[in-house]
Amino acid sequence: MREAVLERAVAVAFEPGADIKSQRGETRLMTKSLKIILFTISGFTGILILVGLLLLLFVNTNANKLRLEAMASETLGMEVSVDGRMYIRFLPDLSVTL
């Protein structure tokens, strides 16, 4: 008898759309404010990922190489030159490679 009750409880608990019940028998659902917060956070994360991908696709890092060399030369007080290509990388960490 106990096994049948336990099997039924497990089956109900894992049904799609099943409500979670507390020990007092109250149904606890995700609150509306929690849904809004999670939706907002996931939206901002998606926008940040999209902006990062657009930057990688449309920003020509080599176009600013001369300006970067001039600023570095002025700041350091000596001539600075960058040979090769510049790269921007977001994963595994944000970095600019010269």
N, C-alpha and C. Protein backbone atom coordinates (compact mmCIF):
# COMPACT_ATOMS: atom_id res chain seq x y z
N MET A 1 0.83 -1.19 0.00
CA MET A 1 0.00 0.00 0.00
C MET A 1 0.87 1.25 0.00
N ARG A 2 1.90 1.25 0.88
CA ARG A 2 2.77 2.44 0.96
C ARG A 2 3.50 2.66 -0.35
N GLU A 3 3.90 1.57 -1.01
CA GLU A 3 4.62 1.70 -2.27
C GLU A 3 3.73 2.31 -3.35
N ALA A 4 2.47 1.94 -3.38
CA ALA A 4 1.55 2.49 -4.38
C ALA A 4 1.36 3.99 -4.15
N VAL A 5 1.23 4.38 -2.89
CA VAL A 5 1.07 5.80 -2.57
C VAL A 5 2.32 6.57 -2.95
N LEU A 6 3.49 6.00 -2.66
CA LEU A 6 4.75 6.65 -2.99
C LEU A 6 4.93 6.77 -4.50
N GLU A 7 4.59 5.72 -5.24
CA GLU A 7 4.71 5.76 -6.69
C GLU A 7 3.78 6.83 -7.27
N ARG A 8 2.57 6.94 -6.74
CA ARG A 8 1.62 7.95 -7.22
C ARG A 8 2.13 9.35 -6.89
N ALA A 9 2.71 9.54 -5.72
CA ALA A 9 3.23 10.85 -5.33
C ALA A 9 4.38 11.26 -6.24
N VAL A 10 5.26 10.33 -6.57
CA VAL A 10 6.37 10.62 -7.46
C VAL A 10 5.85 10.94 -8.86
N ALA A 11 4.88 10.18 -9.33
CA ALA A 11 4.32 10.41 -10.66
C ALA A 11 3.67 11.78 -10.75
N VAL A 12 2.95 12.18 -9.72
CA VAL A 12 2.29 13.49 -9.71
C VAL A 12 3.31 14.61 -9.62
N ALA A 13 4.37 14.39 -8.84
CA ALA A 13 5.37 15.43 -8.65
C ALA A 13 6.12 15.73 -9.93
N PHE A 14 6.31 14.74 -10.79
CA PHE A 14 7.08 14.95 -12.01
C PHE A 14 6.22 15.15 -13.24
N GLU A 15 4.91 15.34 -13.06
CA GLU A 15 4.05 15.65 -14.19
C GLU A 15 4.33 17.07 -14.66
N PRO A 16 4.27 17.32 -15.96
CA PRO A 16 4.43 18.69 -16.42
C PRO A 16 3.34 19.58 -15.85
N GLY A 17 3.71 20.71 -15.33
CA GLY A 17 2.76 21.65 -14.76
C GLY A 17 2.31 21.31 -13.36
N ALA A 18 2.96 20.36 -12.71
CA ALA A 18 2.57 19.98 -11.35
C ALA A 18 2.94 21.09 -10.38
N ASP A 19 2.08 21.37 -9.44
CA ASP A 19 2.33 22.38 -8.43
C ASP A 19 3.14 21.78 -7.30
N ILE A 20 3.94 22.61 -6.65
CA ILE A 20 4.72 22.18 -5.50
C ILE A 20 3.90 22.50 -4.26
N LYS A 21 3.70 21.51 -3.40
CA LYS A 21 2.90 21.73 -2.20
C LYS A 21 3.79 21.72 -0.99
N SER A 22 3.51 22.64 -0.07
CA SER A 22 4.28 22.70 1.17
C SER A 22 3.71 21.68 2.15
N GLN A 23 4.32 21.60 3.34
CA GLN A 23 3.86 20.64 4.33
C GLN A 23 2.46 20.98 4.83
N ARG A 24 2.08 22.25 4.76
CA ARG A 24 0.75 22.64 5.22
C ARG A 24 -0.31 22.48 4.14
N GLY A 25 0.11 21.99 2.95
CA GLY A 25 -0.86 21.78 1.88
C GLY A 25 -1.07 22.99 1.01
N GLU A 26 -0.30 24.06 1.23
CA GLU A 26 -0.46 25.26 0.41
C GLU A 26 0.28 25.08 -0.90
N THR A 27 -0.30 25.58 -1.96
CA THR A 27 0.35 25.52 -3.26
C THR A 27 1.29 26.71 -3.38
N ARG A 28 2.56 26.44 -3.71
CA ARG A 28 3.55 27.50 -3.84
C ARG A 28 3.97 27.59 -5.30
N LEU A 29 3.65 28.67 -5.92
CA LEU A 29 4.05 28.90 -7.30
C LEU A 29 5.08 30.01 -7.34
N MET A 30 5.78 30.13 -8.46
CA MET A 30 6.72 31.21 -8.63
C MET A 30 5.93 32.52 -8.66
N THR A 31 6.34 33.47 -7.83
CA THR A 31 5.60 34.71 -7.77
C THR A 31 5.81 35.53 -9.03
N LYS A 32 4.88 36.43 -9.26
CA LYS A 32 4.93 37.26 -10.46
C LYS A 32 6.17 38.14 -10.45
N SER A 33 6.54 38.68 -9.30
CA SER A 33 7.71 39.55 -9.24
C SER A 33 8.99 38.77 -9.52
N LEU A 34 9.08 37.53 -9.07
CA LEU A 34 10.26 36.71 -9.36
C LEU A 34 10.35 36.41 -10.85
N LYS A 35 9.22 36.15 -11.49
CA LYS A 35 9.21 35.93 -12.93
C LYS A 35 9.69 37.17 -13.67
N ILE A 36 9.25 38.34 -13.24
CA ILE A 36 9.67 39.59 -13.90
C ILE A 36 11.16 39.81 -13.73
N ILE A 37 11.68 39.56 -12.52
CA ILE A 37 13.11 39.73 -12.26
C ILE A 37 13.93 38.77 -13.12
N LEU A 38 13.55 37.50 -13.17
CA LEU A 38 14.29 36.53 -13.98
C LEU A 38 14.20 36.85 -15.46
N PHE A 39 13.05 37.30 -15.93
CA PHE A 39 12.89 37.68 -17.33
C PHE A 39 13.77 38.88 -17.66
N THR A 40 13.84 39.86 -16.76
CA THR A 40 14.66 41.05 -16.98
C THR A 40 16.14 40.70 -17.02
N ILE A 41 16.59 39.88 -16.08
CA ILE A 41 18.00 39.48 -16.05
C ILE A 41 18.37 38.70 -17.31
N SER A 42 17.53 37.78 -17.72
CA SER A 42 17.83 37.02 -18.94
C SER A 42 17.78 37.91 -20.17
N GLY A 43 16.91 38.91 -20.19
CA GLY A 43 16.86 39.85 -21.30
C GLY A 43 18.14 40.68 -21.40
N PHE A 44 18.61 41.20 -20.25
CA PHE A 44 19.86 41.97 -20.26
C PHE A 44 21.04 41.10 -20.67
N THR A 45 21.07 39.86 -20.22
CA THR A 45 22.15 38.95 -20.60
C THR A 45 22.13 38.70 -22.11
N GLY A 46 20.96 38.50 -22.65
CA GLY A 46 20.84 38.29 -24.09
C GLY A 46 21.27 39.50 -24.89
N ILE A 47 20.91 40.69 -24.41
CA ILE A 47 21.32 41.92 -25.10
C ILE A 47 22.83 42.09 -25.05
N LEU A 48 23.45 41.81 -23.90
CA LEU A 48 24.91 41.92 -23.79
C LEU A 48 25.61 40.95 -24.74
N ILE A 49 25.12 39.74 -24.85
CA ILE A 49 25.71 38.76 -25.76
C ILE A 49 25.56 39.23 -27.20
N LEU A 50 24.40 39.76 -27.55
CA LEU A 50 24.17 40.25 -28.90
C LEU A 50 25.08 41.43 -29.23
N VAL A 51 25.23 42.36 -28.30
CA VAL A 51 26.12 43.51 -28.52
C VAL A 51 27.56 43.04 -28.69
N GLY A 52 28.00 42.09 -27.89
CA GLY A 52 29.35 41.55 -28.02
C GLY A 52 29.58 40.92 -29.38
N LEU A 53 28.61 40.14 -29.84
CA LEU A 53 28.76 39.53 -31.16
C LEU A 53 28.78 40.57 -32.27
N LEU A 54 27.94 41.59 -32.16
CA LEU A 54 27.94 42.65 -33.16
C LEU A 54 29.25 43.41 -33.17
N LEU A 55 29.83 43.65 -31.99
CA LEU A 55 31.14 44.31 -31.93
C LEU A 55 32.20 43.47 -32.64
N LEU A 56 32.19 42.18 -32.40
CA LEU A 56 33.17 41.32 -33.05
C LEU A 56 33.03 41.33 -34.56
N LEU A 57 31.79 41.40 -35.04
CA LEU A 57 31.56 41.33 -36.47
C LEU A 57 31.81 42.66 -37.19
N PHE A 58 31.46 43.78 -36.56
CA PHE A 58 31.44 45.03 -37.28
C PHE A 58 32.53 46.03 -36.89
N VAL A 59 33.27 45.81 -35.83
CA VAL A 59 34.31 46.76 -35.43
C VAL A 59 35.64 46.30 -36.01
N ASN A 60 36.25 47.18 -36.79
CA ASN A 60 37.55 46.89 -37.37
C ASN A 60 38.62 47.37 -36.40
N THR A 61 39.23 46.45 -35.69
CA THR A 61 40.22 46.84 -34.67
C THR A 61 41.47 47.42 -35.29
N ASN A 62 41.81 47.02 -36.49
CA ASN A 62 43.02 47.52 -37.13
C ASN A 62 42.87 48.96 -37.62
N ALA A 63 41.64 49.46 -37.75
CA ALA A 63 41.42 50.84 -38.17
C ALA A 63 41.89 51.81 -37.10
N ASN A 64 41.89 51.42 -35.85
CA ASN A 64 42.30 52.30 -34.75
C ASN A 64 43.75 52.08 -34.33
N LYS A 65 44.49 51.27 -35.07
CA LYS A 65 45.85 50.95 -34.68
C LYS A 65 46.75 52.19 -34.67
N LEU A 66 46.64 53.05 -35.67
CA LEU A 66 47.48 54.26 -35.73
C LEU A 66 47.18 55.19 -34.55
N ARG A 67 45.92 55.35 -34.25
CA ARG A 67 45.53 56.20 -33.12
C ARG A 67 46.05 55.62 -31.80
N LEU A 68 45.96 54.32 -31.64
CA LEU A 68 46.47 53.66 -30.44
C LEU A 68 47.99 53.83 -30.32
N GLU A 69 48.69 53.68 -31.43
CA GLU A 69 50.15 53.88 -31.42
C GLU A 69 50.50 55.30 -31.03
N ALA A 70 49.76 56.28 -31.56
CA ALA A 70 50.04 57.69 -31.25
C ALA A 70 49.78 57.98 -29.78
N MET A 71 48.68 57.48 -29.23
CA MET A 71 48.38 57.71 -27.81
C MET A 71 49.40 57.04 -26.91
N ALA A 72 49.82 55.82 -27.25
CA ALA A 72 50.81 55.11 -26.44
C ALA A 72 52.16 55.82 -26.52
N SER A 73 52.54 56.30 -27.70
CA SER A 73 53.80 57.02 -27.85
C SER A 73 53.80 58.30 -27.04
N GLU A 74 52.69 59.02 -27.08
CA GLU A 74 52.58 60.27 -26.32
C GLU A 74 52.62 60.00 -24.82
N THR A 75 51.93 58.99 -24.37
CA THR A 75 51.87 58.68 -22.94
C THR A 75 53.22 58.20 -22.41
N LEU A 76 53.90 57.34 -23.16
CA LEU A 76 55.16 56.76 -22.69
C LEU A 76 56.37 57.64 -22.97
N GLY A 77 56.22 58.60 -23.89
CA GLY A 77 57.34 59.48 -24.23
C GLY A 77 58.37 58.80 -25.12
N MET A 78 57.99 57.76 -25.79
CA MET A 78 58.88 57.06 -26.72
C MET A 78 58.04 56.51 -27.86
N GLU A 79 58.68 56.17 -28.96
CA GLU A 79 57.92 55.70 -30.10
C GLU A 79 57.44 54.26 -29.88
N VAL A 80 56.16 54.05 -30.13
CA VAL A 80 55.55 52.74 -29.98
C VAL A 80 54.95 52.35 -31.31
N SER A 81 55.21 51.12 -31.74
CA SER A 81 54.59 50.63 -32.97
C SER A 81 54.01 49.24 -32.70
N VAL A 82 52.92 48.97 -33.35
CA VAL A 82 52.24 47.68 -33.20
C VAL A 82 52.36 46.95 -34.53
N ASP A 83 53.01 45.81 -34.52
CA ASP A 83 53.14 44.99 -35.72
C ASP A 83 52.09 43.89 -35.67
N GLY A 84 51.59 43.51 -36.80
CA GLY A 84 50.61 42.44 -36.85
C GLY A 84 49.19 42.97 -36.67
N ARG A 85 48.27 42.05 -36.48
CA ARG A 85 46.85 42.39 -36.35
C ARG A 85 46.44 42.50 -34.90
N MET A 86 45.42 43.30 -34.64
CA MET A 86 44.83 43.41 -33.30
C MET A 86 43.60 42.50 -33.25
N TYR A 87 43.35 41.91 -32.10
CA TYR A 87 42.20 41.03 -31.91
C TYR A 87 41.47 41.41 -30.64
N ILE A 88 40.15 41.30 -30.67
CA ILE A 88 39.32 41.45 -29.47
C ILE A 88 38.72 40.08 -29.19
N ARG A 89 38.80 39.66 -27.92
CA ARG A 89 38.29 38.36 -27.52
C ARG A 89 37.43 38.53 -26.28
N PHE A 90 36.27 37.87 -26.25
CA PHE A 90 35.37 37.94 -25.10
C PHE A 90 35.42 36.69 -24.23
N LEU A 91 35.76 35.55 -24.82
CA LEU A 91 35.79 34.32 -24.06
C LEU A 91 37.17 33.71 -24.13
N PRO A 92 37.74 33.13 -23.16
CA PRO A 92 37.24 32.93 -21.81
C PRO A 92 37.32 34.17 -20.95
N ASP A 93 38.04 35.20 -21.41
CA ASP A 93 38.07 36.45 -20.68
C ASP A 93 38.14 37.59 -21.69
N LEU A 94 37.71 38.77 -21.28
CA LEU A 94 37.74 39.93 -22.17
C LEU A 94 39.18 40.38 -22.34
N SER A 95 39.65 40.42 -23.59
CA SER A 95 41.04 40.83 -23.82
C SER A 95 41.20 41.43 -25.20
N VAL A 96 42.21 42.28 -25.35
CA VAL A 96 42.60 42.83 -26.63
C VAL A 96 44.04 42.39 -26.86
N THR A 97 44.29 41.75 -27.99
CA THR A 97 45.62 41.26 -28.30
C THR A 97 46.23 42.11 -29.41
N LEU A 98 47.44 42.57 -29.19
CA LEU A 98 48.15 43.37 -30.19
C LEU A 98 49.20 42.52 -30.86
